[in-house]
Amino acid sequence: MRLNADSFKAIYYPLHAKLYRIAYALTGNQADAEDILQDVYTTLWAKRETLAEISNPEAFCITLVKNRCLDILRSSNRHPEEAIEEHLGNASDSTPEKILEEQEKISIVRSLIEKLPLRQQQVIRLQAIENCSYEEIEQITGLSNGNIRTLLSRIRKQLKEQLEKAYRL
């Protein structure tokens, strides 16, 4: 059964914001996230004849986005962290000294995260920057809830220790 344009929009358009957040969290780049969503929607539209058979369109779309993100991240050796800067740099009561300190922290955190394995980078971005729930992270990454909690705990501990070490120098 082939989905018509109205059915397609009704099913897949409401997922757009969530899919974008996932793509942005995994790539850390707005342009890449937008490109990935365009590619995913193009793929979905091209396969509209078989989409009616999919029992969970949301899970299917998340898998498409995740796989496309991983393809892009594997094909490039970059790990952009603009989201960290946006996340940490929103202080309204900033003096020049505080701004410099924030910029230094951002730079250190960015370099520490870039040194993490790809899976750890993705998990910390999803949880800390995109505020995804453990269930959403589980669905996106395929990791179990327990693995996610353990991984996040280790990442936070490692980043905290390395940040403290950087400030002791």
N, C-alpha and C. Protein backbone atom coordinates (compact mmCIF):
# COMPACT_ATOMS: atom_id res chain seq x y z
N MET A 1 0.83 -1.18 0.00
CA MET A 1 0.00 0.00 0.00
C MET A 1 0.89 1.25 0.00
N ARG A 2 0.59 2.16 -0.86
CA ARG A 2 1.38 3.37 -1.04
C ARG A 2 0.80 4.51 -0.20
N LEU A 3 1.67 5.21 0.54
CA LEU A 3 1.22 6.36 1.32
C LEU A 3 1.05 7.56 0.39
N ASN A 4 -0.06 8.27 0.55
CA ASN A 4 -0.21 9.51 -0.21
C ASN A 4 0.48 10.64 0.56
N ALA A 5 0.56 11.81 -0.06
CA ALA A 5 1.29 12.93 0.54
C ALA A 5 0.72 13.33 1.90
N ASP A 6 -0.60 13.35 2.03
CA ASP A 6 -1.22 13.74 3.30
C ASP A 6 -0.91 12.74 4.41
N SER A 7 -0.99 11.45 4.10
CA SER A 7 -0.67 10.42 5.10
C SER A 7 0.79 10.49 5.48
N PHE A 8 1.65 10.69 4.50
CA PHE A 8 3.08 10.80 4.74
C PHE A 8 3.35 11.96 5.70
N LYS A 9 2.79 13.11 5.42
CA LYS A 9 2.97 14.29 6.28
C LYS A 9 2.43 14.03 7.69
N ALA A 10 1.29 13.40 7.78
CA ALA A 10 0.67 13.15 9.08
C ALA A 10 1.51 12.22 9.95
N ILE A 11 2.18 11.27 9.33
CA ILE A 11 2.97 10.29 10.08
C ILE A 11 4.38 10.81 10.37
N TYR A 12 5.03 11.38 9.36
CA TYR A 12 6.46 11.67 9.48
C TYR A 12 6.80 13.11 9.84
N TYR A 13 5.95 14.06 9.52
CA TYR A 13 6.26 15.45 9.85
C TYR A 13 6.34 15.70 11.36
N PRO A 14 5.47 15.13 12.19
CA PRO A 14 5.57 15.36 13.64
C PRO A 14 6.89 14.85 14.25
N LEU A 15 7.60 13.99 13.56
CA LEU A 15 8.87 13.45 14.06
C LEU A 15 10.05 14.37 13.77
N HIS A 16 9.83 15.40 12.97
CA HIS A 16 10.93 16.24 12.48
C HIS A 16 11.79 16.82 13.60
N ALA A 17 11.18 17.46 14.59
CA ALA A 17 11.95 18.11 15.67
C ALA A 17 12.81 17.10 16.43
N LYS A 18 12.24 15.96 16.74
CA LYS A 18 12.99 14.93 17.46
C LYS A 18 14.14 14.39 16.61
N LEU A 19 13.87 14.14 15.35
CA LEU A 19 14.92 13.62 14.45
C LEU A 19 16.03 14.64 14.28
N TYR A 20 15.67 15.91 14.21
CA TYR A 20 16.69 16.95 14.09
C TYR A 20 17.56 16.98 15.35
N ARG A 21 16.93 16.93 16.53
CA ARG A 21 17.70 16.94 17.78
C ARG A 21 18.68 15.78 17.82
N ILE A 22 18.25 14.62 17.38
CA ILE A 22 19.11 13.45 17.38
C ILE A 22 20.27 13.65 16.40
N ALA A 23 19.97 14.10 15.19
CA ALA A 23 21.02 14.32 14.20
C ALA A 23 22.02 15.37 14.69
N TYR A 24 21.51 16.42 15.28
CA TYR A 24 22.39 17.48 15.79
C TYR A 24 23.24 16.98 16.95
N ALA A 25 22.63 16.19 17.82
CA ALA A 25 23.38 15.66 18.96
C ALA A 25 24.49 14.72 18.51
N LEU A 26 24.21 13.93 17.51
CA LEU A 26 25.21 12.96 17.05
C LEU A 26 26.31 13.60 16.21
N THR A 27 25.97 14.61 15.43
CA THR A 27 26.98 15.23 14.57
C THR A 27 27.60 16.47 15.20
N GLY A 28 26.84 17.15 16.04
CA GLY A 28 27.32 18.38 16.64
C GLY A 28 27.37 19.54 15.66
N ASN A 29 26.67 19.42 14.55
CA ASN A 29 26.75 20.42 13.50
C ASN A 29 25.37 20.65 12.89
N GLN A 30 24.94 21.91 12.86
CA GLN A 30 23.61 22.25 12.36
C GLN A 30 23.45 21.90 10.89
N ALA A 31 24.43 22.25 10.08
CA ALA A 31 24.34 21.99 8.63
C ALA A 31 24.27 20.50 8.34
N ASP A 32 25.09 19.71 9.04
CA ASP A 32 25.05 18.26 8.84
C ASP A 32 23.70 17.69 9.26
N ALA A 33 23.18 18.17 10.38
CA ALA A 33 21.88 17.69 10.87
C ALA A 33 20.78 17.99 9.86
N GLU A 34 20.79 19.18 9.30
CA GLU A 34 19.79 19.54 8.30
C GLU A 34 19.93 18.68 7.05
N ASP A 35 21.18 18.46 6.61
CA ASP A 35 21.43 17.61 5.43
C ASP A 35 20.95 16.19 5.67
N ILE A 36 21.20 15.68 6.86
CA ILE A 36 20.80 14.32 7.19
C ILE A 36 19.28 14.19 7.16
N LEU A 37 18.58 15.14 7.73
CA LEU A 37 17.12 15.08 7.70
C LEU A 37 16.58 15.17 6.28
N GLN A 38 17.18 16.02 5.48
CA GLN A 38 16.75 16.11 4.08
C GLN A 38 16.94 14.77 3.39
N ASP A 39 18.07 14.15 3.63
CA ASP A 39 18.36 12.85 3.03
C ASP A 39 17.39 11.78 3.53
N VAL A 40 17.11 11.79 4.82
CA VAL A 40 16.19 10.81 5.40
C VAL A 40 14.78 10.98 4.83
N TYR A 41 14.31 12.22 4.75
CA TYR A 41 12.97 12.44 4.19
C TYR A 41 12.90 12.08 2.71
N THR A 42 13.98 12.33 1.99
CA THR A 42 14.03 11.93 0.57
C THR A 42 13.96 10.41 0.45
N THR A 43 14.70 9.72 1.30
CA THR A 43 14.70 8.26 1.31
C THR A 43 13.31 7.73 1.67
N LEU A 44 12.71 8.32 2.70
CA LEU A 44 11.37 7.89 3.10
C LEU A 44 10.36 8.08 1.97
N TRP A 45 10.42 9.22 1.32
CA TRP A 45 9.47 9.49 0.24
C TRP A 45 9.67 8.51 -0.91
N ALA A 46 10.92 8.20 -1.21
CA ALA A 46 11.19 7.26 -2.29
C ALA A 46 10.69 5.86 -1.96
N LYS A 47 10.62 5.53 -0.67
CA LYS A 47 10.17 4.20 -0.24
C LYS A 47 8.72 4.22 0.26
N ARG A 48 7.97 5.23 -0.09
CA ARG A 48 6.61 5.38 0.44
C ARG A 48 5.69 4.21 0.12
N GLU A 49 6.03 3.43 -0.90
CA GLU A 49 5.20 2.27 -1.25
C GLU A 49 5.28 1.18 -0.19
N THR A 50 6.39 1.12 0.54
CA THR A 50 6.55 0.07 1.55
C THR A 50 6.44 0.59 2.98
N LEU A 51 6.29 1.89 3.17
CA LEU A 51 6.25 2.46 4.52
C LEU A 51 5.03 2.03 5.32
N ALA A 52 3.94 1.71 4.67
CA ALA A 52 2.73 1.30 5.38
C ALA A 52 2.95 0.00 6.15
N GLU A 53 3.94 -0.78 5.74
CA GLU A 53 4.24 -2.04 6.41
C GLU A 53 5.06 -1.87 7.68
N ILE A 54 5.59 -0.69 7.91
CA ILE A 54 6.44 -0.43 9.08
C ILE A 54 5.55 -0.24 10.30
N SER A 55 5.78 -1.04 11.33
CA SER A 55 4.92 -1.00 12.51
C SER A 55 5.24 0.17 13.43
N ASN A 56 6.51 0.63 13.46
CA ASN A 56 6.90 1.74 14.33
C ASN A 56 7.68 2.77 13.51
N PRO A 57 6.98 3.72 12.88
CA PRO A 57 7.66 4.70 12.03
C PRO A 57 8.70 5.53 12.78
N GLU A 58 8.44 5.85 14.04
CA GLU A 58 9.40 6.65 14.81
C GLU A 58 10.72 5.91 14.98
N ALA A 59 10.66 4.66 15.39
CA ALA A 59 11.88 3.86 15.56
C ALA A 59 12.60 3.69 14.23
N PHE A 60 11.85 3.48 13.18
CA PHE A 60 12.44 3.34 11.85
C PHE A 60 13.18 4.61 11.45
N CYS A 61 12.57 5.77 11.68
CA CYS A 61 13.21 7.04 11.33
C CYS A 61 14.44 7.31 12.18
N ILE A 62 14.35 7.00 13.46
CA ILE A 62 15.51 7.20 14.34
C ILE A 62 16.67 6.34 13.86
N THR A 63 16.40 5.12 13.48
CA THR A 63 17.45 4.24 12.96
C THR A 63 18.05 4.81 11.68
N LEU A 64 17.22 5.33 10.79
CA LEU A 64 17.73 5.94 9.56
C LEU A 64 18.64 7.13 9.89
N VAL A 65 18.19 7.99 10.79
CA VAL A 65 18.98 9.16 11.16
C VAL A 65 20.30 8.73 11.80
N LYS A 66 20.20 7.80 12.74
CA LYS A 66 21.41 7.33 13.43
C LYS A 66 22.42 6.75 12.44
N ASN A 67 21.97 5.92 11.54
CA ASN A 67 22.88 5.31 10.57
C ASN A 67 23.49 6.34 9.64
N ARG A 68 22.69 7.30 9.21
CA ARG A 68 23.21 8.36 8.34
C ARG A 68 24.24 9.22 9.08
N CYS A 69 23.99 9.51 10.35
CA CYS A 69 24.95 10.27 11.16
C CYS A 69 26.27 9.51 11.29
N LEU A 70 26.15 8.23 11.59
CA LEU A 70 27.36 7.43 11.73
C LEU A 70 28.15 7.37 10.43
N ASP A 71 27.44 7.27 9.31
CA ASP A 71 28.12 7.29 8.01
C ASP A 71 28.91 8.59 7.83
N ILE A 72 28.29 9.70 8.16
CA ILE A 72 28.95 10.99 8.00
C ILE A 72 30.14 11.12 8.96
N LEU A 73 29.95 10.71 10.21
CA LEU A 73 31.03 10.82 11.18
C LEU A 73 32.20 9.91 10.83
N ARG A 74 31.90 8.75 10.30
CA ARG A 74 32.97 7.84 9.90
C ARG A 74 33.72 8.36 8.68
N SER A 75 33.01 9.05 7.79
CA SER A 75 33.63 9.52 6.56
C SER A 75 34.46 10.76 6.77
N SER A 76 34.26 11.45 7.88
CA SER A 76 35.04 12.65 8.15
C SER A 76 35.78 12.47 9.46
N ASN A 77 36.91 13.07 9.55
CA ASN A 77 37.72 12.96 10.77
C ASN A 77 37.54 14.17 11.66
N ARG A 78 36.37 14.76 11.62
CA ARG A 78 36.12 15.93 12.43
C ARG A 78 35.09 15.60 13.51
N HIS A 79 35.18 16.31 14.59
CA HIS A 79 34.24 16.16 15.70
C HIS A 79 33.86 17.55 16.19
N PRO A 80 33.00 18.26 15.48
CA PRO A 80 32.65 19.63 15.88
C PRO A 80 31.91 19.65 17.20
N GLU A 81 32.15 20.69 17.97
CA GLU A 81 31.51 20.82 19.27
C GLU A 81 30.87 22.19 19.46
N GLU A 82 30.27 22.73 18.41
CA GLU A 82 29.65 24.05 18.54
C GLU A 82 28.57 24.04 19.61
N ALA A 83 27.91 22.92 19.78
CA ALA A 83 26.83 22.85 20.77
C ALA A 83 27.33 23.08 22.18
N ILE A 84 28.55 22.67 22.47
CA ILE A 84 29.10 22.89 23.81
C ILE A 84 29.25 24.38 24.07
N GLU A 85 29.75 25.08 23.07
CA GLU A 85 29.91 26.51 23.20
C GLU A 85 28.56 27.18 23.43
N GLU A 86 27.55 26.77 22.66
CA GLU A 86 26.21 27.32 22.84
C GLU A 86 25.69 27.00 24.24
N HIS A 87 25.92 25.76 24.67
CA HIS A 87 25.39 25.29 25.94
C HIS A 87 26.05 26.00 27.13
N LEU A 88 27.36 26.17 27.10
CA LEU A 88 28.08 26.76 28.22
C LEU A 88 28.19 28.27 28.13
N GLY A 89 28.04 28.83 26.96
CA GLY A 89 28.31 30.24 26.78
C GLY A 89 27.10 31.14 26.88
N ASN A 90 26.06 30.75 27.57
CA ASN A 90 24.83 31.54 27.63
C ASN A 90 24.68 32.32 28.93
N ALA A 91 25.77 32.70 29.56
CA ALA A 91 25.69 33.44 30.81
C ALA A 91 25.40 34.91 30.52
N SER A 92 24.36 35.46 31.18
CA SER A 92 23.96 36.84 30.91
C SER A 92 24.67 37.82 31.84
N ASP A 93 25.14 37.37 32.99
CA ASP A 93 25.79 38.26 33.95
C ASP A 93 27.31 38.12 33.87
N SER A 94 27.84 38.15 32.66
CA SER A 94 29.25 37.87 32.46
C SER A 94 30.09 39.14 32.47
N THR A 95 31.14 39.06 33.25
CA THR A 95 32.18 40.09 33.21
C THR A 95 33.22 39.60 32.22
N PRO A 96 34.12 40.47 31.78
CA PRO A 96 35.16 40.02 30.85
C PRO A 96 35.98 38.84 31.41
N GLU A 97 36.22 38.85 32.71
CA GLU A 97 36.98 37.76 33.32
C GLU A 97 36.20 36.44 33.25
N LYS A 98 34.90 36.53 33.54
CA LYS A 98 34.06 35.33 33.48
C LYS A 98 33.95 34.81 32.06
N ILE A 99 33.85 35.72 31.11
CA ILE A 99 33.77 35.31 29.70
C ILE A 99 35.04 34.58 29.30
N LEU A 100 36.20 35.12 29.67
CA LEU A 100 37.46 34.45 29.35
C LEU A 100 37.55 33.09 30.01
N GLU A 101 37.12 33.00 31.25
CA GLU A 101 37.14 31.73 31.97
C GLU A 101 36.21 30.72 31.30
N GLU A 102 35.01 31.18 30.91
CA GLU A 102 34.07 30.30 30.21
C GLU A 102 34.66 29.80 28.89
N GLN A 103 35.28 30.71 28.15
CA GLN A 103 35.88 30.32 26.87
C GLN A 103 36.98 29.30 27.08
N GLU A 104 37.75 29.47 28.14
CA GLU A 104 38.81 28.51 28.45
C GLU A 104 38.21 27.15 28.80
N LYS A 105 37.15 27.15 29.62
CA LYS A 105 36.48 25.90 29.97
C LYS A 105 35.91 25.22 28.73
N ILE A 106 35.29 26.00 27.88
CA ILE A 106 34.71 25.45 26.64
C ILE A 106 35.79 24.79 25.81
N SER A 107 36.91 25.47 25.68
CA SER A 107 38.01 24.93 24.89
C SER A 107 38.53 23.63 25.47
N ILE A 108 38.69 23.60 26.78
CA ILE A 108 39.20 22.39 27.45
C ILE A 108 38.19 21.26 27.32
N VAL A 109 36.90 21.54 27.61
CA VAL A 109 35.87 20.50 27.51
C VAL A 109 35.79 19.98 26.08
N ARG A 110 35.84 20.88 25.12
CA ARG A 110 35.79 20.49 23.70
C ARG A 110 36.94 19.53 23.38
N SER A 111 38.13 19.88 23.78
CA SER A 111 39.27 19.01 23.47
C SER A 111 39.18 17.67 24.21
N LEU A 112 38.67 17.68 25.43
CA LEU A 112 38.52 16.44 26.18
C LEU A 112 37.48 15.53 25.53
N ILE A 113 36.37 16.10 25.09
CA ILE A 113 35.32 15.31 24.46
C ILE A 113 35.81 14.76 23.12
N GLU A 114 36.58 15.55 22.39
CA GLU A 114 37.11 15.09 21.10
C GLU A 114 38.03 13.89 21.25
N LYS A 115 38.61 13.73 22.43
CA LYS A 115 39.52 12.61 22.68
C LYS A 115 38.78 11.34 23.08
N LEU A 116 37.50 11.47 23.40
CA LEU A 116 36.69 10.30 23.78
C LEU A 116 36.42 9.44 22.55
N PRO A 117 36.20 8.15 22.75
CA PRO A 117 35.74 7.31 21.63
C PRO A 117 34.40 7.83 21.09
N LEU A 118 34.14 7.56 19.82
CA LEU A 118 32.95 8.08 19.15
C LEU A 118 31.66 7.76 19.90
N ARG A 119 31.50 6.55 20.38
CA ARG A 119 30.27 6.15 21.10
C ARG A 119 30.09 7.01 22.34
N GLN A 120 31.19 7.25 23.09
CA GLN A 120 31.10 8.07 24.29
C GLN A 120 30.76 9.52 23.95
N GLN A 121 31.32 10.02 22.85
CA GLN A 121 30.99 11.38 22.42
C GLN A 121 29.50 11.50 22.14
N GLN A 122 28.96 10.51 21.46
CA GLN A 122 27.54 10.54 21.10
C GLN A 122 26.67 10.50 22.35
N VAL A 123 26.99 9.64 23.28
CA VAL A 123 26.17 9.49 24.49
C VAL A 123 26.19 10.77 25.31
N ILE A 124 27.37 11.36 25.49
CA ILE A 124 27.44 12.58 26.31
C ILE A 124 26.75 13.75 25.61
N ARG A 125 26.83 13.83 24.29
CA ARG A 125 26.11 14.88 23.56
C ARG A 125 24.61 14.72 23.71
N LEU A 126 24.13 13.48 23.54
CA LEU A 126 22.69 13.23 23.64
C LEU A 126 22.16 13.57 25.02
N GLN A 127 22.89 13.20 26.06
CA GLN A 127 22.40 13.38 27.41
C GLN A 127 22.61 14.82 27.91
N ALA A 128 23.82 15.33 27.79
CA ALA A 128 24.15 16.61 28.40
C ALA A 128 23.75 17.81 27.55
N ILE A 129 23.86 17.69 26.25
CA ILE A 129 23.60 18.85 25.40
C ILE A 129 22.18 18.83 24.85
N GLU A 130 21.71 17.67 24.43
CA GLU A 130 20.37 17.57 23.84
C GLU A 130 19.30 17.18 24.84
N ASN A 131 19.70 16.89 26.07
CA ASN A 131 18.76 16.54 27.14
C ASN A 131 17.84 15.37 26.79
N CYS A 132 18.38 14.39 26.09
CA CYS A 132 17.61 13.19 25.77
C CYS A 132 17.48 12.33 27.02
N SER A 133 16.37 11.64 27.14
CA SER A 133 16.17 10.72 28.26
C SER A 133 17.01 9.46 28.01
N TYR A 134 17.16 8.67 29.05
CA TYR A 134 17.90 7.41 28.89
C TYR A 134 17.22 6.51 27.88
N GLU A 135 15.90 6.53 27.87
CA GLU A 135 15.16 5.70 26.92
C GLU A 135 15.43 6.15 25.48
N GLU A 136 15.47 7.45 25.26
CA GLU A 136 15.78 7.97 23.92
C GLU A 136 17.20 7.60 23.51
N ILE A 137 18.13 7.74 24.44
CA ILE A 137 19.53 7.38 24.14
C ILE A 137 19.62 5.90 23.84
N GLU A 138 18.89 5.10 24.60
CA GLU A 138 18.86 3.65 24.38
C GLU A 138 18.35 3.33 22.98
N GLN A 139 17.31 4.01 22.58
CA GLN A 139 16.72 3.77 21.26
C GLN A 139 17.67 4.22 20.14
N ILE A 140 18.35 5.33 20.35
CA ILE A 140 19.24 5.89 19.33
C ILE A 140 20.52 5.08 19.19
N THR A 141 21.12 4.72 20.32
CA THR A 141 22.44 4.07 20.29
C THR A 141 22.39 2.55 20.26
N GLY A 142 21.29 1.99 20.75
CA GLY A 142 21.21 0.54 20.84
C GLY A 142 21.84 -0.01 22.12
N LEU A 143 22.35 0.87 22.97
CA LEU A 143 22.91 0.44 24.25
C LEU A 143 21.80 0.21 25.26
N SER A 144 22.06 -0.65 26.25
CA SER A 144 21.06 -0.86 27.29
C SER A 144 21.07 0.31 28.26
N ASN A 145 19.99 0.46 29.00
CA ASN A 145 19.87 1.53 29.98
C ASN A 145 21.01 1.48 30.99
N GLY A 146 21.33 0.30 31.47
CA GLY A 146 22.43 0.14 32.43
C GLY A 146 23.77 0.53 31.84
N ASN A 147 24.00 0.15 30.58
CA ASN A 147 25.25 0.53 29.92
C ASN A 147 25.36 2.04 29.76
N ILE A 148 24.23 2.68 29.44
CA ILE A 148 24.24 4.14 29.27
C ILE A 148 24.57 4.81 30.59
N ARG A 149 23.94 4.37 31.66
CA ARG A 149 24.20 4.96 32.98
C ARG A 149 25.66 4.78 33.38
N THR A 150 26.19 3.60 33.19
CA THR A 150 27.59 3.33 33.52
C THR A 150 28.52 4.17 32.67
N LEU A 151 28.25 4.23 31.38
CA LEU A 151 29.07 4.99 30.45
C LEU A 151 29.06 6.47 30.81
N LEU A 152 27.89 7.03 31.08
CA LEU A 152 27.79 8.44 31.45
C LEU A 152 28.52 8.72 32.76
N SER A 153 28.41 7.83 33.71
CA SER A 153 29.10 8.01 34.97
C SER A 153 30.62 8.04 34.76
N ARG A 154 31.11 7.12 33.97
CA ARG A 154 32.55 7.08 33.68
C ARG A 154 33.01 8.31 32.91
N ILE A 155 32.20 8.73 31.94
CA ILE A 155 32.56 9.91 31.13
C ILE A 155 32.63 11.14 32.03
N ARG A 156 31.60 11.33 32.85
CA ARG A 156 31.57 12.50 33.74
C ARG A 156 32.76 12.50 34.69
N LYS A 157 33.04 11.35 35.27
CA LYS A 157 34.16 11.24 36.20
C LYS A 157 35.47 11.57 35.48
N GLN A 158 35.64 11.01 34.31
CA GLN A 158 36.86 11.23 33.53
C GLN A 158 37.00 12.71 33.15
N LEU A 159 35.92 13.31 32.66
CA LEU A 159 35.97 14.72 32.27
C LEU A 159 36.24 15.61 33.48
N LYS A 160 35.60 15.31 34.61
CA LYS A 160 35.81 16.10 35.82
C LYS A 160 37.26 16.03 36.28
N GLU A 161 37.81 14.82 36.31
CA GLU A 161 39.20 14.65 36.73
C GLU A 161 40.15 15.39 35.79
N GLN A 162 39.91 15.29 34.51
CA GLN A 162 40.79 15.94 33.54
C GLN A 162 40.64 17.46 33.59
N LEU A 163 39.44 17.95 33.83
CA LEU A 163 39.22 19.39 33.95
C LEU A 163 39.89 19.94 35.21
N GLU A 164 39.76 19.21 36.32
CA GLU A 164 40.44 19.62 37.56
C GLU A 164 41.94 19.61 37.37
N LYS A 165 42.45 18.61 36.69
CA LYS A 165 43.89 18.53 36.42
C LYS A 165 44.34 19.71 35.58
N ALA A 166 43.56 20.08 34.59
CA ALA A 166 43.91 21.21 33.72
C ALA A 166 43.95 22.52 34.51
N TYR A 167 43.08 22.67 35.51
CA TYR A 167 43.06 23.91 36.30
C TYR A 167 44.11 23.92 37.40
N ARG A 168 44.67 22.77 37.74
CA ARG A 168 45.74 22.73 38.72
C ARG A 168 47.07 23.15 38.11
N LEU A 169 47.18 23.01 36.79
CA LEU A 169 48.44 23.34 36.11
C LEU A 169 48.70 24.82 36.08
